Structures are given as structure tokens and as C-alpha cells.
PDB file of N, CA and C in Angstrom:
ATOM      1  N   MET A   1      -4.802 -15.434  -8.210  1.00  0.00           N
ATOM      2  CA  MET A   1      -4.239 -14.160  -8.548  1.00  0.00           C
ATOM      3  C   MET A   1      -3.942 -13.761  -6.300  1.00  0.00           C
ATOM      4  N   LEU A   2      -3.302 -13.410  -5.835  1.00  0.00           N
ATOM      5  CA  LEU A   2      -3.753 -12.967  -4.749  1.00  0.00           C
ATOM      6  C   LEU A   2      -4.503 -12.156  -4.839  1.00  0.00           C
ATOM      7  N   THR A   3      -4.855 -10.502  -5.159  1.00  0.00           N
ATOM      8  CA  THR A   3      -5.793  -9.721  -5.053  1.00  0.00           C
ATOM      9  C   THR A   3      -6.923 -10.597  -5.012  1.00  0.00           C
ATOM     10  N   HIS A   4      -6.947 -10.898  -6.197  1.00  0.00           N
ATOM     11  CA  HIS A   4      -8.537 -11.532  -6.050  1.00  0.00           C
ATOM     12  C   HIS A   4      -8.989 -12.681  -4.950  1.00  0.00           C
ATOM     13  N   SER A   5      -7.942 -13.551  -4.192  1.00  0.00           N
ATOM     14  CA  SER A   5      -8.313 -14.300  -3.326  1.00  0.00           C
ATOM     15  C   SER A   5      -8.598 -13.410  -2.105  1.00  0.00           C
ATOM     16  N   ILE A   6      -7.821 -12.372  -1.464  1.00  0.00           N
ATOM     17  CA  ILE A   6      -8.241 -11.360  -1.029  1.00  0.00           C
ATOM     18  C   ILE A   6      -9.986 -10.758  -1.157  1.00  0.00           C
ATOM     19  N   LEU A   7      -9.716 -10.167  -2.042  1.00  0.00           N
ATOM     20  CA  LEU A   7     -11.646  -9.772  -2.547  1.00  0.00           C
ATOM     21  C   LEU A   7     -12.514 -10.744  -2.131  1.00  0.00           C
ATOM     22  N   ALA A   8     -12.264 -11.860  -2.997  1.00  0.00           N
ATOM     23  CA  ALA A   8     -13.690 -13.193  -3.059  1.00  0.00           C
ATOM     24  C   ALA A   8     -13.820 -13.140  -0.787  1.00  0.00           C
ATOM     25  N   THR A   9     -13.018 -12.578  -0.082  1.00  0.00           N
ATOM     26  CA  THR A   9     -13.249 -13.154   1.278  1.00  0.00           C
ATOM     27  C   THR A   9     -13.633 -11.615   2.354  1.00  0.00           C
ATOM     28  N   VAL A  10     -13.941 -10.757   1.550  1.00  0.00           N
ATOM     29  CA  VAL A  10     -14.546  -9.750   2.327  1.00  0.00           C
ATOM     30  C   VAL A  10     -15.960  -9.444   2.717  1.00  0.00           C
ATOM     31  N   GLU A  11     -16.577  -8.874   3.569  1.00  0.00           N
ATOM     32  CA  GLU A  11     -18.186  -8.746   3.257  1.00  0.00           C
ATOM     33  C   GLU A  11     -18.580  -7.735   2.413  1.00  0.00           C
ATOM     34  N   THR A  12     -19.693  -8.105   1.889  1.00  0.00           N
ATOM     35  CA  THR A  12     -20.011  -6.908   0.804  1.00  0.00           C
ATOM     36  C   THR A  12     -19.745  -5.563   1.291  1.00  0.00           C
ATOM     37  N   GLY A  13     -20.334  -5.465   2.474  1.00  0.00           N
ATOM     38  CA  GLY A  13     -20.226  -3.534   2.886  1.00  0.00           C
ATOM     39  C   GLY A  13     -19.312  -3.262   2.975  1.00  0.00           C
ATOM     40  N   ARG A  14     -18.529  -4.350   3.117  1.00  0.00           N
ATOM     41  CA  ARG A  14     -17.063  -3.555   3.549  1.00  0.00           C
ATOM     42  C   ARG A  14     -16.057  -3.555   2.022  1.00  0.00           C
ATOM     43  N   LEU A  15     -16.700  -4.054   1.409  1.00  0.00           N
ATOM     44  CA  LEU A  15     -16.127  -3.932  -0.086  1.00  0.00           C
ATOM     45  C   LEU A  15     -16.817  -2.749  -1.357  1.00  0.00           C
ATOM     46  N   ALA A  16     -17.985  -2.492  -0.998  1.00  0.00           N
ATOM     47  CA  ALA A  16     -18.376  -1.003  -1.750  1.00  0.00           C
ATOM     48  C   ALA A  16     -17.947  -0.509  -0.874  1.00  0.00           C
ATOM     49  N   LYS A  17     -17.907  -0.342   0.833  1.00  0.00           N
ATOM     50  CA  LYS A  17     -17.447   0.830   1.084  1.00  0.00           C
ATOM     51  C   LYS A  17     -15.884   1.465   0.605  1.00  0.00           C
ATOM     52  N   ALA A  18     -15.400   0.467   0.125  1.00  0.00           N
ATOM     53  CA  ALA A  18     -14.079   0.725  -0.084  1.00  0.00           C
ATOM     54  C   ALA A  18     -13.953   1.124  -1.512  1.00  0.00           C
ATOM     55  N   VAL A  19     -14.935   0.324  -2.159  1.00  0.00           N
ATOM     56  CA  VAL A  19     -14.512   0.322  -3.908  1.00  0.00           C
ATOM     57  C   VAL A  19     -14.850   2.298  -3.773  1.00  0.00           C
ATOM     58  N   GLU A  20     -16.455   2.111  -3.184  1.00  0.00           N
ATOM     59  CA  GLU A  20     -16.481   3.727  -3.307  1.00  0.00           C
ATOM     60  C   GLU A  20     -15.469   4.702  -2.696  1.00  0.00           C
ATOM     61  N   GLY A  21     -14.708   4.810  -1.736  1.00  0.00           N
ATOM     62  CA  GLY A  21     -13.932   5.272  -0.891  1.00  0.00           C
ATOM     63  C   GLY A  21     -12.654   5.679  -1.804  1.00  0.00           C
ATOM     64  N   TYR A  22     -12.212   4.499  -2.578  1.00  0.00           N
ATOM     65  CA  TYR A  22     -11.283   4.660  -3.494  1.00  0.00           C
ATOM     66  C   TYR A  22     -11.235   5.164  -5.039  1.00  0.00           C
ATOM     67  N   THR A  23     -12.502   5.107  -5.512  1.00  0.00           N
ATOM     68  CA  THR A  23     -13.060   5.616  -6.424  1.00  0.00           C
ATOM     69  C   THR A  23     -13.231   7.178  -6.311  1.00  0.00           C
ATOM     70  N   ALA A  24     -13.623   7.467  -5.200  1.00  0.00           N
ATOM     71  CA  ALA A  24     -13.831   8.813  -4.835  1.00  0.00           C
ATOM     72  C   ALA A  24     -12.302   9.797  -4.572  1.00  0.00           C
ATOM     73  N   GLY A  25     -11.253   8.671  -4.525  1.00  0.00           N
ATOM     74  CA  GLY A  25      -9.958   9.275  -4.106  1.00  0.00           C
ATOM     75  C   GLY A  25      -9.572   9.192  -2.612  1.00  0.00           C
ATOM     76  N   ALA A  26     -10.597   9.086  -1.347  1.00  0.00           N
ATOM     77  CA  ALA A  26     -10.342   9.633  -0.389  1.00  0.00           C
ATOM     78  C   ALA A  26      -9.637   8.640   0.152  1.00  0.00           C
ATOM     79  N   TYR A  27      -8.493   7.631  -0.375  1.00  0.00           N
ATOM     80  CA  TYR A  27      -7.706   6.944   0.476  1.00  0.00           C
ATOM     81  C   TYR A  27      -6.227   7.438  -0.505  1.00  0.00           C
ATOM     82  N   ALA A  28      -4.690   7.376   0.093  1.00  0.00           N
ATOM     83  CA  ALA A  28      -3.909   7.622  -0.653  1.00  0.00           C
ATOM     84  C   ALA A  28      -2.987   6.447  -0.304  1.00  0.00           C
ATOM     85  N   VAL A  29      -2.558   5.985  -1.655  1.00  0.00           N
ATOM     86  CA  VAL A  29      -1.887   4.379  -1.386  1.00  0.00           C
ATOM     87  C   VAL A  29      -0.536   4.502  -1.654  1.00  0.00           C
ATOM     88  N   THR A  30       0.419   4.209  -0.784  1.00  0.00           N
ATOM     89  CA  THR A  30       1.744   3.841  -1.296  1.00  0.00           C
ATOM     90  C   THR A  30       2.477   2.330  -1.601  1.00  0.00           C
ATOM     91  N   LEU A  31       2.776   1.567  -1.975  1.00  0.00           N
ATOM     92  CA  LEU A  31       2.793   0.454  -2.323  1.00  0.00           C
ATOM     93  C   LEU A  31       4.222  -0.012  -1.382  1.00  0.00           C
ATOM     94  N   ALA A  32       4.677  -0.436  -0.551  1.00  0.00           N
ATOM     95  CA  ALA A  32       5.938  -0.560  -0.112  1.00  0.00           C
ATOM     96  C   ALA A  32       7.083  -1.679  -0.961  1.00  0.00           C
ATOM     97  N   ALA A  33       6.247  -2.973  -1.155  1.00  0.00           N
ATOM     98  CA  ALA A  33       6.741  -3.837  -2.415  1.00  0.00           C
ATOM     99  C   ALA A  33       5.319  -4.783  -2.723  1.00  0.00           C
ATOM    100  N   GLN A  34       5.754  -5.141  -3.444  1.00  0.00           N
ATOM    101  CA  GLN A  34       4.830  -6.111  -4.248  1.00  0.00           C
ATOM    102  C   GLN A  34       5.631  -7.024  -5.242  1.00  0.00           C
ATOM    103  N   SER A  35       5.344  -8.580  -4.780  1.00  0.00           N
ATOM    104  CA  SER A  35       5.327  -9.465  -5.761  1.00  0.00           C
ATOM    105  C   SER A  35       4.702 -10.772  -5.611  1.00  0.00           C
ATOM    106  N   GLU A  36       4.803 -12.150  -6.795  1.00  0.00           N
ATOM    107  CA  GLU A  36       3.921 -12.702  -6.863  1.00  0.00           C
ATOM    108  C   GLU A  36       3.314 -13.181  -5.434  1.00  0.00           C
ATOM    109  N   ALA A  37       4.179 -13.033  -4.076  1.00  0.00           N
ATOM    110  CA  ALA A  37       3.674 -13.349  -2.621  1.00  0.00           C
ATOM    111  C   ALA A  37       3.282 -12.788  -2.110  1.00  0.00           C
ATOM    112  N   GLU A  38       3.306 -12.015  -1.984  1.00  0.00           N
ATOM    113  CA  GLU A  38       2.836 -10.862  -1.366  1.00  0.00           C
ATOM    114  C   GLU A  38       2.582  -9.616  -1.640  1.00  0.00           C
ATOM    115  N   ILE A  39       1.683  -8.722  -0.788  1.00  0.00           N
ATOM    116  CA  ILE A  39       1.814  -6.894  -1.001  1.00  0.00           C
ATOM    117  C   ILE A  39       1.840  -6.098   0.173  1.00  0.00           C
ATOM    118  N   ARG A  40       2.848  -5.367   0.274  1.00  0.00           N
ATOM    119  CA  ARG A  40       3.091  -4.691   1.606  1.00  0.00           C
ATOM    120  C   ARG A  40       2.595  -3.110   1.197  1.00  0.00           C
ATOM    121  N   GLY A  41       2.288  -2.643   1.592  1.00  0.00           N
ATOM    122  CA  GLY A  41       1.415  -0.955   1.541  1.00  0.00           C
ATOM    123  C   GLY A  41       1.311  -0.059   2.671  1.00  0.00           C
ATOM    124  N   PHE A  42       1.106   0.624   2.396  1.00  0.00           N
ATOM    125  CA  PHE A  42       0.350   1.643   3.442  1.00  0.00           C
ATOM    126  C   PHE A  42      -0.804   2.764   2.796  1.00  0.00           C
ATOM    127  N   VAL A  43      -2.008   2.704   3.472  1.00  0.00           N
ATOM    128  CA  VAL A  43      -2.957   3.082   2.920  1.00  0.00           C
ATOM    129  C   VAL A  43      -3.296   4.180   4.252  1.00  0.00           C
ATOM    130  N   ALA A  44      -3.921   5.719   3.429  1.00  0.00           N
ATOM    131  CA  ALA A  44      -3.717   6.458   4.451  1.00  0.00           C
ATOM    132  C   ALA A  44      -5.251   6.477   3.996  1.00  0.00           C
ATOM    133  N   ASN A  45      -6.226   7.118   5.194  1.00  0.00           N
ATOM    134  CA  ASN A  45      -7.464   7.529   5.092  1.00  0.00           C
ATOM    135  C   ASN A  45      -7.781   9.005   5.076  1.00  0.00           C
ATOM    136  N   GLY A  46      -9.355  10.013   4.884  1.00  0.00           N
ATOM    137  CA  GLY A  46      -8.949  11.043   4.636  1.00  0.00           C
ATOM    138  C   GLY A  46      -8.861  11.771   5.838  1.00  0.00           C
ATOM    139  N   ASP A  47      -8.619  11.485   7.284  1.00  0.00           N
ATOM    140  CA  ASP A  47      -8.421  12.149   8.463  1.00  0.00           C
ATOM    141  C   ASP A  47      -6.879  12.004   8.298  1.00  0.00           C
ATOM    142  N   GLY A  48      -5.856  11.155   7.682  1.00  0.00           N
ATOM    143  CA  GLY A  48      -5.175  11.153   7.444  1.00  0.00           C
ATOM    144  C   GLY A  48      -4.249  10.508   8.238  1.00  0.00           C
ATOM    145  N   LYS A  49      -4.940   9.475   8.849  1.00  0.00           N
ATOM    146  CA  LYS A  49      -4.245   8.311   9.553  1.00  0.00           C
ATOM    147  C   LYS A  49      -3.575   7.414   8.712  1.00  0.00           C
ATOM    148  N   LYS A  50      -2.950   6.464   8.833  1.00  0.00           N
ATOM    149  CA  LYS A  50      -1.741   6.004   7.589  1.00  0.00           C
ATOM    150  C   LYS A  50      -1.632   4.390   8.376  1.00  0.00           C
ATOM    151  N   TYR A  51      -1.746   3.227   7.730  1.00  0.00           N
ATOM    152  CA  TYR A  51      -2.315   2.151   8.924  1.00  0.00           C
ATOM    153  C   TYR A  51      -1.014   1.238   7.692  1.00  0.00           C
ATOM    154  N   GLY A  52      -0.582   0.411   7.667  1.00  0.00           N
ATOM    155  CA  GLY A  52       0.249  -0.801   7.119  1.00  0.00           C
ATOM    156  C   GLY A  52      -0.346  -1.997   6.783  1.00  0.00           C
ATOM    157  N   VAL A  53      -0.473  -2.560   5.563  1.00  0.00           N
ATOM    158  CA  VAL A  53      -1.069  -3.462   5.151  1.00  0.00           C
ATOM    159  C   VAL A  53       0.027  -4.328   4.698  1.00  0.00           C
ATOM    160  N   VAL A  54      -0.403  -5.604   5.164  1.00  0.00           N
ATOM    161  CA  VAL A  54       0.023  -6.941   4.173  1.00  0.00           C
ATOM    162  C   VAL A  54      -0.596  -7.609   3.746  1.00  0.00           C
ATOM    163  N   LEU A  55      -0.374  -8.155   2.527  1.00  0.00           N
ATOM    164  CA  LEU A  55      -1.719  -9.147   1.775  1.00  0.00           C
ATOM    165  C   LEU A  55      -0.699 -10.239   1.472  1.00  0.00           C
ATOM    166  N   THR A  56      -1.344 -11.671   1.990  1.00  0.00           N
ATOM    167  CA  THR A  56      -0.551 -12.657   0.890  1.00  0.00           C
ATOM    168  C   THR A  56      -1.814 -13.518   0.778  1.00  0.00           C
ATOM    169  N   GLU A  57      -1.293 -14.496   0.313  1.00  0.00           N
ATOM    170  CA  GLU A  57      -2.648 -15.662   0.127  1.00  0.00           C
ATOM    171  C   GLU A  57      -3.425 -16.006   1.183  1.00  0.00           C
ATOM    172  N   ALA A  58      -2.664 -16.381   2.257  1.00  0.00           N
ATOM    173  CA  ALA A  58      -3.314 -17.188   3.871  1.00  0.00           C
ATOM    174  C   ALA A  58      -4.214 -16.239   4.113  1.00  0.00           C
ATOM    175  N   ARG A  59      -3.846 -14.210   4.080  1.00  0.00           N
ATOM    176  CA  ARG A  59      -4.444 -13.308   4.594  1.00  0.00           C
ATOM    177  C   ARG A  59      -3.977 -12.204   4.595  1.00  0.00           C
ATOM    178  N   ALA A  60      -5.014 -12.183   5.521  1.00  0.00           N
ATOM    179  CA  ALA A  60      -4.450  -9.692   5.045  1.00  0.00           C
ATOM    180  C   ALA A  60      -4.456  -9.417   6.269  1.00  0.00           C
ATOM    181  N   PHE A  61      -3.484  -8.484   6.490  1.00  0.00           N
ATOM    182  CA  PHE A  61      -2.974  -8.166   7.818  1.00  0.00           C
ATOM    183  C   PHE A  61      -2.882  -6.306   7.300  1.00  0.00           C
ATOM    184  N   CYS A  62      -3.726  -6.151   8.508  1.00  0.00           N
ATOM    185  CA  CYS A  62      -3.987  -4.515   8.895  1.00  0.00           C
ATOM    186  C   CYS A  62      -3.885  -4.113   9.869  1.00  0.00           C
ATOM    187  N   SER A  63      -3.335  -2.361  10.173  1.00  0.00           N
ATOM    188  CA  SER A  63      -2.945  -2.358  11.702  1.00  0.00           C
ATOM    189  C   SER A  63      -3.713  -1.582  12.471  1.00  0.00           C
ATOM    190  N   CYS A  64      -4.984  -1.032  11.441  1.00  0.00           N
ATOM    191  CA  CYS A  64      -6.255  -0.686  11.975  1.00  0.00           C
ATOM    192  C   CYS A  64      -6.929  -1.470  13.078  1.00  0.00           C
ATOM    193  N   PRO A  65      -7.620  -0.804  13.647  1.00  0.00           N
ATOM    194  CA  PRO A  65      -8.491  -1.535  15.063  1.00  0.00           C
ATOM    195  C   PRO A  65      -9.511  -2.718  13.917  1.00  0.00           C
ATOM    196  N   ASP A  66     -10.037  -2.006  13.522  1.00  0.00           N
ATOM    197  CA  ASP A  66     -11.057  -2.918  12.831  1.00  0.00           C
ATOM    198  C   ASP A  66     -10.415  -4.731  12.453  1.00  0.00           C
ATOM    199  N   SER A  67      -9.210  -5.218  11.711  1.00  0.00           N
ATOM    200  CA  SER A  67      -8.755  -5.548  11.399  1.00  0.00           C
ATOM    201  C   SER A  67      -8.011  -6.664  12.369  1.00  0.00           C
ATOM    202  N   MET A  68      -7.546  -5.635  13.869  1.00  0.00           N
ATOM    203  CA  MET A  68      -6.893  -6.326  14.513  1.00  0.00           C
ATOM    204  C   MET A  68      -7.701  -6.850  15.531  1.00  0.00           C
ATOM    205  N   PHE A  69      -8.730  -6.747  16.077  1.00  0.00           N
ATOM    206  CA  PHE A  69      -9.731  -6.740  16.828  1.00  0.00           C
ATOM    207  C   PHE A  69     -11.097  -8.091  16.482  1.00  0.00           C
ATOM    208  N   ARG A  70     -11.131  -7.591  15.363  1.00  0.00           N
ATOM    209  CA  ARG A  70     -12.304  -8.293  14.913  1.00  0.00           C
ATOM    210  C   ARG A  70     -11.924  -9.456  13.647  1.00  0.00           C
ATOM    211  N   HIS A  71     -10.237  -9.459  13.153  1.00  0.00           N
ATOM    212  CA  HIS A  71      -9.734 -10.501  12.619  1.00  0.00           C
ATOM    213  C   HIS A  71     -10.343 -10.438  11.445  1.00  0.00           C
ATOM    214  N   THR A  72     -10.987  -9.561  10.660  1.00  0.00           N
ATOM    215  CA  THR A  72     -11.323  -9.961   9.359  1.00  0.00           C
ATOM    216  C   THR A  72     -10.388  -8.627   8.440  1.00  0.00           C
ATOM    217  N   VAL A  73     -10.732  -8.807   7.091  1.00  0.00           N
ATOM    218  CA  VAL A  73     -10.762  -8.277   5.963  1.00  0.00           C
ATOM    219  C   VAL A  73     -10.990  -6.770   5.715  1.00  0.00           C
ATOM    220  N   CYS A  74     -10.485  -6.021   6.344  1.00  0.00           N
ATOM    221  CA  CYS A  74     -10.742  -4.402   6.673  1.00  0.00           C
ATOM    222  C   CYS A  74     -10.977  -3.570   5.116  1.00  0.00           C
ATOM    223  N   LYS A  75     -11.283  -2.492   4.834  1.00  0.00           N
ATOM    224  CA  LYS A  75     -11.852  -1.875   3.549  1.00  0.00           C
ATOM    225  C   LYS A  75      -9.926  -1.245   3.539  1.00  0.00           C
ATOM    226  N   HIS A  76      -9.031  -0.971   4.342  1.00  0.00           N
ATOM    227  CA  HIS A  76      -8.052  -0.737   4.107  1.00  0.00           C
ATOM    228  C   HIS A  76      -6.502  -1.793   3.090  1.00  0.00           C
ATOM    229  N   ALA A  77      -7.274  -2.827   3.892  1.00  0.00           N
ATOM    230  CA  ALA A  77      -6.363  -4.276   2.810  1.00  0.00           C
ATOM    231  C   ALA A  77      -7.486  -4.598   1.190  1.00  0.00           C
ATOM    232  N   VAL A  78      -8.878  -4.208   1.170  1.00  0.00           N
ATOM    233  CA  VAL A  78      -9.041  -4.042   0.265  1.00  0.00           C
ATOM    234  C   VAL A  78      -9.078  -2.812  -0.675  1.00  0.00           C
ATOM    235  N   VAL A  79      -8.844  -1.249  -0.470  1.00  0.00           N
ATOM    236  CA  VAL A  79      -8.038  -0.712  -1.267  1.00  0.00           C
ATOM    237  C   VAL A  79      -6.684  -0.623  -1.257  1.00  0.00           C
ATOM    238  N   LEU A  80      -5.811  -1.452  -0.710  1.00  0.00           N
ATOM    239  CA  LEU A  80      -4.677  -1.751  -1.492  1.00  0.00           C
ATOM    240  C   LEU A  80      -4.484  -2.750  -2.434  1.00  0.00           C
ATOM    241  N   ALA A  81      -5.204  -4.444  -1.964  1.00  0.00           N
ATOM    242  CA  ALA A  81      -5.048  -4.811  -3.590  1.00  0.00           C
ATOM    243  C   ALA A  81      -6.587  -4.638  -4.537  1.00  0.00           C
ATOM    244  N   LEU A  82      -7.191  -3.409  -4.686  1.00  0.00           N
ATOM    245  CA  LEU A  82      -7.337  -2.573  -5.653  1.00  0.00           C
ATOM    246  C   LEU A  82      -6.208  -1.548  -6.282  1.00  0.00           C
ATOM    247  N   HIS A  83      -5.651  -0.860  -5.777  1.00  0.00           N
ATOM    248  CA  HIS A  83      -4.655  -0.415  -5.900  1.00  0.00           C
ATOM    249  C   HIS A  83      -4.041  -0.873  -6.918  1.00  0.00           C
ATOM    250  N   ALA A  84      -3.159  -1.886  -6.539  1.00  0.00           N
ATOM    251  CA  ALA A  84      -2.515  -3.031  -6.442  1.00  0.00           C
ATOM    252  C   ALA A  84      -2.878  -3.635  -8.166  1.00  0.00           C
ATOM    253  N   ILE A  85      -3.914  -3.945  -8.292  1.00  0.00           N
ATOM    254  CA  ILE A  85      -4.780  -4.023  -9.536  1.00  0.00           C
ATOM    255  C   ILE A  85      -4.354  -3.608 -10.654  1.00  0.00           C
ATOM    256  N   ARG A  86      -4.761  -2.007 -10.550  1.00  0.00           N
ATOM    257  CA  ARG A  86      -4.878  -0.891 -10.898  1.00  0.00           C
ATOM    258  C   ARG A  86      -3.970  -0.077 -11.498  1.00  0.00           C
ATOM    259  N   THR A  87      -2.916  -0.599 -10.983  1.00  0.00           N
ATOM    260  CA  THR A  87      -1.371  -0.077 -11.130  1.00  0.00           C
ATOM    261  C   THR A  87      -0.655  -1.296 -10.983  1.00  0.00           C
ATOM    262  N   PRO A  88      -0.300  -2.032 -12.409  1.00  0.00           N
ATOM    263  CA  PRO A  88       0.821  -2.757 -12.924  1.00  0.00           C
ATOM    264  C   PRO A  88       1.962  -2.505 -12.014  1.00  0.00           C
ATOM    265  N   GLN A  89       2.522  -3.518 -11.859  1.00  0.00           N
ATOM    266  CA  GLN A  89       4.193  -3.567 -11.176  1.00  0.00           C
ATOM    267  C   GLN A  89       4.965  -2.845 -12.038  1.00  0.00           C
ATOM    268  N   SER A  90       5.218  -2.666 -13.287  1.00  0.00           N
ATOM    269  CA  SER A  90       5.962  -1.696 -14.046  1.00  0.00           C
ATOM    270  C   SER A  90       5.728  -0.338 -13.966  1.00  0.00           C
ATOM    271  N   GLU A  91       4.575  -0.079 -13.665  1.00  0.00           N
ATOM    272  CA  GLU A  91       3.922   1.285 -14.010  1.00  0.00           C
ATOM    273  C   GLU A  91       4.805   1.448 -11.773  1.00  0.00           C
ATOM    274  N   ALA A  92       4.295   1.020 -10.857  1.00  0.00           N
ATOM    275  CA  ALA A  92       4.627   0.735  -9.749  1.00  0.00           C
ATOM    276  C   ALA A  92       6.241   0.668  -9.217  1.00  0.00           C
ATOM    277  N   ALA A  93       7.053   0.153 -10.096  1.00  0.00           N
ATOM    278  CA  ALA A  93       8.386  -0.269 -10.371  1.00  0.00           C
ATOM    279  C   ALA A  93       9.354   1.714 -10.748  1.00  0.00           C
ATOM    280  N   GLU A  94       8.180   2.128 -11.464  1.00  0.00           N
ATOM    281  CA  GLU A  94       8.962   3.456 -12.007  1.00  0.00           C
ATOM    282  C   GLU A  94       8.575   4.379 -11.190  1.00  0.00           C
ATOM    283  N   GLN A  95       7.432   4.261 -10.653  1.00  0.00           N
ATOM    284  CA  GLN A  95       7.023   5.678  -9.106  1.00  0.00           C
ATOM    285  C   GLN A  95       8.199   5.199  -8.062  1.00  0.00           C
ATOM    286  N   GLU A  96       8.689   4.175  -7.554  1.00  0.00           N
ATOM    287  CA  GLU A  96       9.616   3.849  -6.674  1.00  0.00           C
ATOM    288  C   GLU A  96      11.260   4.128  -6.577  1.00  0.00           C
ATOM    289  N   ARG A  97      11.440   4.585  -7.586  1.00  0.00           N
ATOM    290  CA  ARG A  97      12.729   4.619  -8.051  1.00  0.00           C
ATOM    291  C   ARG A  97      13.792   4.939  -7.110  1.00  0.00           C
ATOM    292  N   PRO A  98      14.872   4.146  -6.562  1.00  0.00           N
ATOM    293  CA  PRO A  98      15.672   4.041  -5.349  1.00  0.00           C
ATOM    294  C   PRO A  98      16.270   5.470  -5.521  1.00  0.00           C
ATOM    295  N   MET A  99      16.652   6.153  -4.242  1.00  0.00           N
ATOM    296  CA  MET A  99      17.480   7.305  -4.235  1.00  0.00           C
ATOM    297  C   MET A  99      18.833   6.812  -3.824  1.00  0.00           C
ATOM    298  N   ASN A 100      19.816   7.710  -4.488  1.00  0.00           N
ATOM    299  CA  ASN A 100      21.278   7.355  -4.665  1.00  0.00           C
ATOM    300  C   ASN A 100      21.649   7.941  -3.278  1.00  0.00           C
ATOM    301  N   LEU A 101      21.677   7.292  -2.478  1.00  0.00           N
ATOM    302  CA  LEU A 101      22.595   7.465  -1.077  1.00  0.00           C
ATOM    303  C   LEU A 101      23.685   6.894  -0.794  1.00  0.00           C
ATOM    304  N   LYS A 102      24.999   7.331  -2.194  1.00  0.00           N
ATOM    305  CA  LYS A 102      26.778   6.954  -1.760  1.00  0.00           C
ATOM    306  C   LYS A 102      26.782   8.145  -0.910  1.00  0.00           C
ATOM    307  N   LEU A 103      28.018   7.556  -0.740  1.00  0.00           N
ATOM    308  CA  LEU A 103      28.354   8.840   0.164  1.00  0.00           C
ATOM    309  C   LEU A 103      29.847   8.630  -0.365  1.00  0.00           C
ATOM    310  N   GLY A 104      30.634  10.332  -0.508  1.00  0.00           N
ATOM    311  CA  GLY A 104      31.347  10.274  -1.577  1.00  0.00           C
ATOM    312  C   GLY A 104      32.407  10.803  -0.805  1.00  0.00           C
ATOM    313  N   LYS A 105      34.134  11.058  -0.656  1.00  0.00           N
ATOM    314  CA  LYS A 105      34.509  11.780  -0.572  1.00  0.00           C
ATOM    315  C   LYS A 105      34.691  12.897  -0.470  1.00  0.00           C
ATOM    316  N   VAL A 106      35.012  14.335   0.341  1.00  0.00           N
ATOM    317  CA  VAL A 106      34.880  15.391  -0.018  1.00  0.00           C
ATOM    318  C   VAL A 106      36.098  15.713   1.213  1.00  0.00           C
ATOM    319  N   ARG A 107      37.239  16.848  -0.065  1.00  0.00           N
ATOM    320  CA  ARG A 107      38.179  17.217   0.730  1.00  0.00           C
ATOM    321  C   ARG A 107      37.349  18.149   1.326  1.00  0.00           C
ATOM    322  N   PRO A 108      38.309  18.266   2.904  1.00  0.00           N
ATOM    323  CA  PRO A 108      38.182  19.752   3.693  1.00  0.00           C
ATOM    324  C   PRO A 108      38.495  20.613   3.170  1.00  0.00           C
ATOM    325  N   GLY A 109      37.348  21.578   3.866  1.00  0.00           N
ATOM    326  CA  GLY A 109      37.111  22.953   3.305  1.00  0.00           C
ATOM    327  C   GLY A 109      36.480  23.184   1.909  1.00  0.00           C
ATOM    328  N   TRP A 110      36.009  22.019   1.535  1.00  0.00           N
ATOM    329  CA  TRP A 110      35.510  22.317  -0.292  1.00  0.00           C
ATOM    330  C   TRP A 110      33.729  22.723   0.207  1.00  0.00           C
ATOM    331  N   GLN A 111      33.346  23.307  -0.899  1.00  0.00           N
ATOM    332  CA  GLN A 111      32.705  23.959  -0.859  1.00  0.00           C
ATOM    333  C   GLN A 111      31.586  23.540  -2.215  1.00  0.00           C
ATOM    334  N   ALA A 112      30.731  23.490  -2.215  1.00  0.00           N
ATOM    335  CA  ALA A 112      29.550  23.495  -4.078  1.00  0.00           C
ATOM    336  C   ALA A 112      29.105  24.969  -3.712  1.00  0.00           C
ATOM    337  N   CYS A 113      28.832  25.208  -5.287  1.00  0.00           N
ATOM    338  CA  CYS A 113      28.498  26.169  -5.864  1.00  0.00           C
ATOM    339  C   CYS A 113      27.297  26.248  -5.708  1.00  0.00           C
ATOM    340  N   ALA A 114      26.010  27.192  -5.187  1.00  0.00           N
ATOM    341  CA  ALA A 114      24.547  27.074  -5.201  1.00  0.00           C
ATOM    342  C   ALA A 114      24.382  27.309  -6.496  1.00  0.00           C
TER     343      ALA A 114
END
């Protein structure tokens, strides 16, 4: 499984820090897309900084400085993997209902009642 391969490669200290923060509710996670081959999302830390995270079988990418400069699996990638494990795809799909952005034709001068 994709999430397990990511969690198997992370350093013990980062894993512990990510698990502690995730269970305490210090991170806000937004799943953007999830499939068998890839998980995409955003992880916001307690300071409000939001990082884009992409998990694949080959590697984990995060836009945080730790991941960019050290080329390691960061705590944001771990938090996204943990969130994907705890939130089944069916529940995630229910939470992310697409918005109806279909435009309709309106007669000139027509106003809707409030």
C-alpha cells in the first residue's frame, strides 16, 4: 500500500513528531485527490502555513523547506499518509462534493427574490 511504503521510509524522530501533532489536532489536512497510485493534498500546520504534498510509490514530495533542501520524507508527508489511512476513500469522496458551477441563461432585468 502506498501509505505504508511512505511511512516505512521516514526517520523515527519525524514519524513520532508527526504522529504526536496529528493526534493532537495540530494539522489541518485537505485531500485534493486520492487514487491507488497517488495521494495529493494540503497540510497546514499550527502557524497557518499550508504545504502542498504529493505521495507516490516512488517518493514523497512536499513544498516545505525541510523536504526541499534535505530531500527526506517530512512530517507533512507523514501527516497526509496518516490522514489517508484514517479517512477511507468513500468518506473523503462524500466530504469533497463537487460544486455545481453550471451557468444558466437569465433574461435581462430579471432579479431573484431574497
